[in-house]
C-alpha atoms as a PDB file:
ATOM      1  CA  MET A   1       2.388   1.979 -16.163  1.00  0.00           C
ATOM      2  CA  LYS A   2       4.811  -0.993 -15.921  1.00  0.00           C
ATOM      3  CA  GLN A   3       7.948   0.725 -14.845  1.00  0.00           C
ATOM      4  CA  LEU A   4       8.380   4.141 -13.213  1.00  0.00           C
ATOM      5  CA  SER A   5      11.881   5.400 -12.550  1.00  0.00           C
ATOM      6  CA  PHE A   6      12.608   8.549 -10.587  1.00  0.00           C
ATOM      7  CA  ILE A   7      14.559   9.845  -7.680  1.00  0.00           C
ATOM      8  CA  LEU A   8      12.938   9.258  -4.401  1.00  0.00           C
ATOM      9  CA  PHE A   9      15.761  10.792  -2.297  1.00  0.00           C
ATOM     10  CA  LEU A  10      13.112  12.864  -0.439  1.00  0.00           C
ATOM     11  CA  PHE A  11      11.543   9.651   0.956  1.00  0.00           C
ATOM     12  CA  PHE A  12      14.965   8.485   2.076  1.00  0.00           C
ATOM     13  CA  ALA A  13      15.884  11.860   3.404  1.00  0.00           C
ATOM     14  CA  PHE A  14      13.197  11.505   6.073  1.00  0.00           C
ATOM     15  CA  SER A  15      14.579   9.449   9.027  1.00  0.00           C
ATOM     16  CA  SER A  16      12.328   6.480   9.837  1.00  0.00           C
ATOM     17  CA  CYS A  17      10.578   7.226  13.029  1.00  0.00           C
ATOM     18  CA  ASP A  18       9.321   4.337  15.075  1.00  0.00           C
ATOM     19  CA  SER A  19       6.187   6.190  16.045  1.00  0.00           C
ATOM     20  CA  ILE A  20       5.108   6.530  12.407  1.00  0.00           C
ATOM     21  CA  ALA A  21       6.782   3.476  10.930  1.00  0.00           C
ATOM     22  CA  GLN A  22       3.858   1.198  11.491  1.00  0.00           C
ATOM     23  CA  LYS A  23       0.339   1.097  12.773  1.00  0.00           C
ATOM     24  CA  PRO A  24      -0.625  -1.233  15.613  1.00  0.00           C
ATOM     25  CA  VAL A  25      -1.129  -4.873  14.512  1.00  0.00           C
ATOM     26  CA  ALA A  26      -4.722  -5.671  13.744  1.00  0.00           C
ATOM     27  CA  ASN A  27      -6.010  -9.111  12.793  1.00  0.00           C
ATOM     28  CA  GLY A  28      -2.290 -10.224  12.958  1.00  0.00           C
ATOM     29  CA  LEU A  29      -1.419  -7.903  10.074  1.00  0.00           C
ATOM     30  CA  LYS A  30       1.306  -5.259  10.340  1.00  0.00           C
ATOM     31  CA  TRP A  31       0.438  -2.119   8.286  1.00  0.00           C
ATOM     32  CA  TYR A  32       3.543   0.091   7.739  1.00  0.00           C
ATOM     33  CA  THR A  33       3.062   3.820   7.266  1.00  0.00           C
ATOM     34  CA  ASP A  34       6.607   4.619   6.255  1.00  0.00           C
ATOM     35  CA  ILE A  35       7.697   3.696   2.813  1.00  0.00           C
ATOM     36  CA  ASN A  36      11.219   3.156   3.934  1.00  0.00           C
ATOM     37  CA  GLU A  37      10.269   0.581   6.351  1.00  0.00           C
ATOM     38  CA  ALA A  38       7.931  -1.184   3.933  1.00  0.00           C
ATOM     39  CA  GLN A  39      10.703  -1.238   1.391  1.00  0.00           C
ATOM     40  CA  LYS A  40      13.188  -2.661   3.835  1.00  0.00           C
ATOM     41  CA  GLN A  41      10.689  -5.562   4.599  1.00  0.00           C
ATOM     42  CA  SER A  42       9.859  -5.952   0.951  1.00  0.00           C
ATOM     43  CA  GLN A  43      13.583  -6.345   0.163  1.00  0.00           C
ATOM     44  CA  ALA A  44      14.172  -8.772   3.071  1.00  0.00           C
ATOM     45  CA  THR A  45      11.099 -10.953   2.217  1.00  0.00           C
ATOM     46  CA  HIS A  46      11.033 -10.653  -1.604  1.00  0.00           C
ATOM     47  CA  LYS A  47       7.346  -9.589  -1.320  1.00  0.00           C
ATOM     48  CA  PRO A  48       5.858  -6.715  -3.255  1.00  0.00           C
ATOM     49  CA  ILE A  49       4.426  -3.703  -1.445  1.00  0.00           C
ATOM     50  CA  PHE A  50       0.627  -3.524  -1.220  1.00  0.00           C
ATOM     51  CA  ALA A  51      -0.062   0.197  -0.887  1.00  0.00           C
ATOM     52  CA  LEU A  52      -3.542   1.297   0.383  1.00  0.00           C
ATOM     53  CA  PHE A  53      -4.421   4.887  -0.361  1.00  0.00           C
ATOM     54  CA  THR A  54      -7.235   5.627   2.112  1.00  0.00           C
ATOM     55  CA  GLY A  55      -9.127   8.363   3.842  1.00  0.00           C
ATOM     56  CA  SER A  56      -9.419   6.614   7.163  1.00  0.00           C
ATOM     57  CA  ASP A  57     -11.602   9.058   8.896  1.00  0.00           C
ATOM     58  CA  TRP A  58     -14.020   9.943   6.198  1.00  0.00           C
ATOM     59  CA  CYS A  59     -14.127   7.516   3.254  1.00  0.00           C
ATOM     60  CA  ILE A  60     -17.125   5.228   3.422  1.00  0.00           C
ATOM     61  CA  TRP A  61     -15.727   2.906   0.736  1.00  0.00           C
ATOM     62  CA  CYS A  62     -12.467   2.637   2.604  1.00  0.00           C
ATOM     63  CA  HIS A  63     -14.426   1.522   5.607  1.00  0.00           C
ATOM     64  CA  ARG A  64     -16.366  -0.990   3.579  1.00  0.00           C
ATOM     65  CA  LEU A  65     -13.117  -2.366   1.982  1.00  0.00           C
ATOM     66  CA  GLN A  66     -11.754  -2.800   5.567  1.00  0.00           C
ATOM     67  CA  ASN A  67     -14.908  -4.583   6.761  1.00  0.00           C
ATOM     68  CA  ASP A  68     -15.753  -6.618   3.673  1.00  0.00           C
ATOM     69  CA  VAL A  69     -12.151  -7.515   2.686  1.00  0.00           C
ATOM     70  CA  PHE A  70      -9.324  -6.726   5.005  1.00  0.00           C
ATOM     71  CA  ASP A  71     -10.984  -7.947   8.177  1.00  0.00           C
ATOM     72  CA  LYS A  72     -11.705 -11.393   6.629  1.00  0.00           C
ATOM     73  CA  PRO A  73      -9.464 -14.418   7.504  1.00  0.00           C
ATOM     74  CA  GLU A  74      -8.936 -15.139   3.748  1.00  0.00           C
ATOM     75  CA  PHE A  75      -7.475 -11.668   3.297  1.00  0.00           C
ATOM     76  CA  VAL A  76      -5.243 -11.982   6.488  1.00  0.00           C
ATOM     77  CA  GLN A  77      -3.873 -15.379   5.348  1.00  0.00           C
ATOM     78  CA  TRP A  78      -3.298 -14.021   1.767  1.00  0.00           C
ATOM     79  CA  ALA A  79      -1.562 -10.899   2.902  1.00  0.00           C
ATOM     80  CA  LYS A  80       0.843 -12.576   5.367  1.00  0.00           C
ATOM     81  CA  LYS A  81       1.915 -14.961   2.562  1.00  0.00           C
ATOM     82  CA  ASN A  82       2.070 -12.526  -0.357  1.00  0.00           C
ATOM     83  CA  VAL A  83       2.638  -8.815   0.369  1.00  0.00           C
ATOM     84  CA  ILE A  84       4.073  -6.042   2.684  1.00  0.00           C
ATOM     85  CA  LEU A  85       1.243  -3.789   3.714  1.00  0.00           C
ATOM     86  CA  LEU A  86       1.573  -0.056   3.464  1.00  0.00           C
ATOM     87  CA  GLU A  87      -1.160   2.378   4.502  1.00  0.00           C
ATOM     88  CA  LEU A  88      -1.086   5.777   2.919  1.00  0.00           C
ATOM     89  CA  ASP A  89      -3.690   7.884   4.755  1.00  0.00           C
ATOM     90  CA  PHE A  90      -5.343  11.110   3.694  1.00  0.00           C
ATOM     91  CA  PRO A  91      -7.411  11.992   6.808  1.00  0.00           C
ATOM     92  CA  ARG A  92      -9.589  15.130   7.071  1.00  0.00           C
ATOM     93  CA  THR A  93     -10.091  15.496  10.810  1.00  0.00           C
ATOM     94  CA  LYS A  94      -6.769  14.155  12.216  1.00  0.00           C
ATOM     95  CA  GLN A  95      -3.438  15.540  11.465  1.00  0.00           C
ATOM     96  CA  LEU A  96      -0.529  13.440  10.230  1.00  0.00           C
ATOM     97  CA  ALA A  97       3.145  14.260  10.976  1.00  0.00           C
ATOM     98  CA  PRO A  98       4.310  16.642   8.299  1.00  0.00           C
ATOM     99  CA  GLU A  99       6.897  14.203   6.864  1.00  0.00           C
ATOM    100  CA  LEU A 100       4.237  11.426   6.683  1.00  0.00           C
ATOM    101  CA  ALA A 101       1.692  13.690   4.944  1.00  0.00           C
ATOM    102  CA  LYS A 102       4.452  14.829   2.480  1.00  0.00           C
ATOM    103  CA  GLN A 103       5.426  11.141   1.818  1.00  0.00           C
ATOM    104  CA  ASN A 104       1.751  10.198   1.154  1.00  0.00           C
ATOM    105  CA  ASN A 105       1.179  13.202  -1.010  1.00  0.00           C
ATOM    106  CA  GLU A 106       4.182  12.345  -3.130  1.00  0.00           C
ATOM    107  CA  LEU A 107       3.191   8.769  -3.581  1.00  0.00           C
ATOM    108  CA  GLN A 108      -0.319   9.842  -4.489  1.00  0.00           C
ATOM    109  CA  SER A 109       1.172  12.014  -7.235  1.00  0.00           C
ATOM    110  CA  VAL A 110       3.548   9.317  -8.485  1.00  0.00           C
ATOM    111  CA  PHE A 111       0.684   6.761  -8.813  1.00  0.00           C
ATOM    112  CA  LYS A 112      -1.817   9.419 -10.042  1.00  0.00           C
ATOM    113  CA  VAL A 113      -4.340   8.321  -7.396  1.00  0.00           C
ATOM    114  CA  GLN A 114      -7.502  10.284  -7.843  1.00  0.00           C
ATOM    115  CA  GLY A 115     -10.060   8.306  -5.685  1.00  0.00           C
ATOM    116  CA  PHE A 116     -10.119   6.278  -2.555  1.00  0.00           C
ATOM    117  CA  PRO A 117      -9.725   3.479  -1.724  1.00  0.00           C
ATOM    118  CA  THR A 118      -7.035   2.686  -4.251  1.00  0.00           C
ATOM    119  CA  VAL A 119      -4.574  -0.133  -3.864  1.00  0.00           C
ATOM    120  CA  TRP A 120      -1.374  -0.301  -5.859  1.00  0.00           C
ATOM    121  CA  ILE A 121       0.944  -3.311  -5.720  1.00  0.00           C
ATOM    122  CA  PHE A 122       4.517  -2.720  -6.706  1.00  0.00           C
ATOM    123  CA  THR A 123       8.185  -3.419  -6.062  1.00  0.00           C
ATOM    124  CA  LEU A 124      10.663  -0.720  -5.152  1.00  0.00           C
ATOM    125  CA  ASN A 125      14.392  -1.073  -5.710  1.00  0.00           C
ATOM    126  CA  GLN A 126      17.306   1.310  -5.311  1.00  0.00           C
ATOM    127  CA  ASP A 127      20.028   1.511  -8.021  1.00  0.00           C
ATOM    128  CA  THR A 128      23.086   1.619  -5.929  1.00  0.00           C
ATOM    129  CA  ALA A 129      25.122   3.548  -8.481  1.00  0.00           C
ATOM    130  CA  THR A 130      22.595   6.299  -9.241  1.00  0.00           C
ATOM    131  CA  LYS A 131      20.572   6.178  -5.978  1.00  0.00           C
ATOM    132  CA  LYS A 132      17.441   6.276  -8.163  1.00  0.00           C
ATOM    133  CA  MET A 133      14.492   4.371  -6.974  1.00  0.00           C
ATOM    134  CA  ASN A 134      12.832   2.160  -9.538  1.00  0.00           C
ATOM    135  CA  ILE A 135       9.151   1.352  -8.990  1.00  0.00           C
ATOM    136  CA  ALA A 136       7.797  -1.596 -10.910  1.00  0.00           C
ATOM    137  CA  ALA A 137       4.098  -1.107 -10.673  1.00  0.00           C
ATOM    138  CA  LEU A 138       2.352  -4.456 -10.987  1.00  0.00           C
ATOM    139  CA  GLY A 139      -1.193  -3.089 -11.030  1.00  0.00           C
ATOM    140  CA  SER A 140      -3.912  -1.414  -9.062  1.00  0.00           C
ATOM    141  CA  THR A 141      -7.388  -2.213  -7.732  1.00  0.00           C
ATOM    142  CA  GLY A 142      -9.935  -0.804  -5.333  1.00  0.00           C
ATOM    143  CA  TYR A 143     -13.204  -1.850  -3.768  1.00  0.00           C
ATOM    144  CA  PRO A 144     -14.423  -5.122  -5.586  1.00  0.00           C
ATOM    145  CA  GLN A 145     -17.278  -3.732  -7.518  1.00  0.00           C
ATOM    146  CA  GLY A 146     -19.794  -6.271  -8.776  1.00  0.00           C
ATOM    147  CA  ALA A 147     -18.796  -8.953  -6.096  1.00  0.00           C
ATOM    148  CA  GLU A 148     -21.436 -11.185  -4.684  1.00  0.00           C
ATOM    149  CA  PRO A 149     -22.717  -9.664  -1.477  1.00  0.00           C
ATOM    150  CA  GLY A 150     -20.838 -11.198   1.504  1.00  0.00           C
ATOM    151  CA  LYS A 151     -18.108 -12.496  -0.853  1.00  0.00           C
ATOM    152  CA  GLU A 152     -16.270  -9.299  -1.614  1.00  0.00           C
ATOM    153  CA  GLN A 153     -13.008 -10.816  -0.332  1.00  0.00           C
ATOM    154  CA  VAL A 154     -13.226 -13.506  -2.936  1.00  0.00           C
ATOM    155  CA  LYS A 155     -13.390 -11.073  -5.906  1.00  0.00           C
ATOM    156  CA  PHE A 156     -10.760  -8.781  -4.288  1.00  0.00           C
ATOM    157  CA  LEU A 157      -8.280 -11.595  -3.757  1.00  0.00           C
ATOM    158  CA  SER A 158      -8.948 -12.856  -7.336  1.00  0.00           C
ATOM    159  CA  ASP A 159      -8.064  -9.490  -8.677  1.00  0.00           C
ATOM    160  CA  ALA A 160      -5.089  -9.100  -6.449  1.00  0.00           C
ATOM    161  CA  ASN A 161      -3.736 -12.544  -7.501  1.00  0.00           C
ATOM    162  CA  LYS A 162      -4.049 -11.491 -11.164  1.00  0.00           C
ATOM    163  CA  ILE A 163      -1.894  -8.447 -10.277  1.00  0.00           C
ATOM    164  CA  LEU A 164       0.626 -10.577  -8.538  1.00  0.00           C
ATOM    165  CA  ALA A 165       0.891 -12.718 -11.617  1.00  0.00           C
ATOM    166  CA  ASN A 166       2.393  -9.630 -13.294  1.00  0.00           C
ATOM    167  CA  LYS A 167       5.496 -10.022 -10.945  1.00  0.00           C
ATOM    168  CA  SER A 168       8.209 -11.516 -13.044  1.00  0.00           C
END
């Protein structure tokens, strides 16, 4: 799935709301929750979007990915240098704002995400003439299975760097 092209006018029809645009900064990392805000930052910095599909309040593997990878200094440094972070949450006990839930469900459908956690790295550009959004999907990953215990971040970052190498 190298190139997906479709109209994302629904995403851009939603006004960006500061209360849902980003999560609080943790470990010095800014995780956006609004695709519009992530896309603006991606365009401004020329960095791809790192979209985490997660079940924040129920998914054990999502919690492990957070603890074993995202909370590590190596990941923090790598993320600041290489990507714009986007969290797409699918909670079971807390309720998301309707426009945020709709956005997350649409992106889950576009990327055909069936399990959590899933990470997709992609670029998103709007064709000014047609208003179509073009997604260039670089690749996906998840929890680093088979990693040496205590070194999950090493395998994850190796896999993520291989995906970034697809950016041309």
